[in-house]
């Protein structure tokens, strides 16, 4: 992309990035047809599946962070995948804009790291 990169963009120890392992058994459990007709509850299997997917990715992130620290490198965060929109902010069915024109999400989806 760019041949001459400014020094402040090059960390002293270099960079470390990784591609997360996302097994189909964790990513194929989601979809609009699996959303309940009511607000989600912590005990719902769909919520448990979401946490299993996120926790799997967090374990990889912890390993990568440890390796980056040992190698004195800056860790580049990967794209994270979530099974549901945030389930902690307020009650909803899993997708906040379900059925709205131009606002229909497909699950799972790439979500922000602070999700």
Foldseek 3Di string as FASTA:
>chain_A
DDDDDDPVVADPLGEDEDDADQDCVLFVPAWPVQFDPFWDDCPDVLVVSQVVQVVSRVVVVVVRVVVCVVSVHHYDDDFGWGFFPDNPPDTDRRQPQPPDVPRHDTPGDGDDPVD
